[in-house]
């Protein structure tokens, strides 16, 4: 296994752990509640706009990490790669 592959595997395990902890935390339960019944969650006093913004920010961070790891694995990124 190459050095880059072990680096990617390391980050994969770390991000899977973070996602697991996030889903089972209070914030994760709030994300799930918003996805099922946004109006009900808002009526319970949860600021749904800030939670949605946090969700978007976390997903963009994970996508950025994935893109950086993909770029380091392929060495060159060009429009023809996709």
Protein backbone atom coordinates (compact mmCIF):
# COMPACT_ATOMS: atom_id res chain seq x y z
CA UNK A 1 0.00 0.00 0.00
CA UNK A 2 1.42 3.34 -1.02
CA UNK A 3 2.01 6.29 1.28
CA UNK A 4 -0.83 8.29 -0.29
CA UNK A 5 -3.30 5.41 0.03
CA UNK A 6 -2.55 4.99 3.73
CA UNK A 7 -2.94 8.75 4.19
CA UNK A 8 -6.34 8.64 2.48
CA UNK A 9 -7.38 5.63 4.55
CA UNK A 10 -6.37 7.45 7.73
CA UNK A 11 -8.57 10.43 6.85
CA UNK A 12 -11.41 8.13 5.84
CA UNK A 13 -11.41 6.47 9.25
CA UNK A 14 -11.18 9.83 11.03
CA UNK A 15 -14.07 11.33 9.03
CA UNK A 16 -16.21 8.23 9.55
CA UNK A 17 -15.67 8.55 13.30
CA UNK A 18 -16.53 12.24 13.22
CA UNK A 19 -19.71 11.54 11.23
CA UNK A 20 -20.73 8.78 13.63
CA UNK A 21 -20.21 11.02 16.65
CA UNK A 22 -22.05 13.87 14.93
CA UNK A 23 -25.13 11.81 14.07
CA UNK A 24 -25.44 10.51 17.63
CA UNK A 25 -24.92 13.91 19.28
CA UNK A 26 -27.58 16.47 20.14
CA UNK A 27 -26.74 18.48 17.03
CA UNK A 28 -27.14 15.37 14.89
CA UNK A 29 -30.52 14.64 16.44
CA UNK A 30 -31.50 18.21 15.61
CA UNK A 31 -30.38 17.70 11.99
CA UNK A 32 -32.54 14.58 11.77
CA UNK A 33 -35.52 16.38 13.32
CA UNK A 34 -35.17 19.23 10.82
CA UNK A 35 -35.04 16.78 7.92
CA UNK A 36 -38.30 15.14 9.01
CA UNK A 37 -40.40 18.07 10.29
CA UNK A 38 -38.82 21.49 9.96
CA UNK A 39 -41.90 23.40 11.15
CA UNK A 40 -42.31 21.19 14.22
CA UNK A 41 -38.64 21.52 15.09
CA UNK A 42 -38.85 25.29 14.78
CA UNK A 43 -41.94 25.36 17.00
CA UNK A 44 -39.92 23.55 19.69
CA UNK A 45 -37.53 26.51 19.84
CA UNK A 46 -34.71 25.29 17.63
CA UNK A 47 -33.18 27.88 15.32
CA UNK A 48 -33.44 25.85 12.12
CA UNK A 49 -31.67 28.39 9.93
CA UNK A 50 -28.48 28.28 12.00
CA UNK A 51 -28.58 24.47 12.14
CA UNK A 52 -29.01 24.26 8.37
CA UNK A 53 -26.10 26.65 7.92
CA UNK A 54 -23.98 24.49 10.25
CA UNK A 55 -24.98 21.38 8.29
CA UNK A 56 -24.02 23.02 4.99
CA UNK A 57 -20.70 24.19 6.43
CA UNK A 58 -19.80 20.75 7.76
CA UNK A 59 -20.71 19.04 4.49
CA UNK A 60 -18.68 21.59 2.50
CA UNK A 61 -15.71 21.00 4.81
CA UNK A 62 -15.90 17.24 4.27
CA UNK A 63 -16.24 17.68 0.51
CA UNK A 64 -13.20 19.96 0.53
CA UNK A 65 -11.15 17.39 2.40
CA UNK A 66 -12.28 14.69 -0.04
CA UNK A 67 -11.31 16.90 -2.99
CA UNK A 68 -7.90 17.63 -1.53
CA UNK A 69 -7.26 13.94 -0.95
CA UNK A 70 -8.43 13.12 -4.48
CA UNK A 71 -6.08 15.75 -5.88
CA UNK A 72 -3.14 14.40 -3.90
CA UNK A 73 -3.91 10.86 -5.08
CA UNK A 74 -4.14 11.81 -8.77
CA UNK A 75 -1.31 14.37 -8.66
CA UNK A 76 -2.86 16.36 -11.55
CA UNK A 77 -6.42 17.71 -11.71
CA UNK A 78 -7.78 18.79 -15.06
CA UNK A 79 -11.26 18.96 -16.61
CA UNK A 80 -10.64 15.66 -18.42
CA UNK A 81 -10.16 13.73 -15.16
CA UNK A 82 -13.90 13.64 -14.39
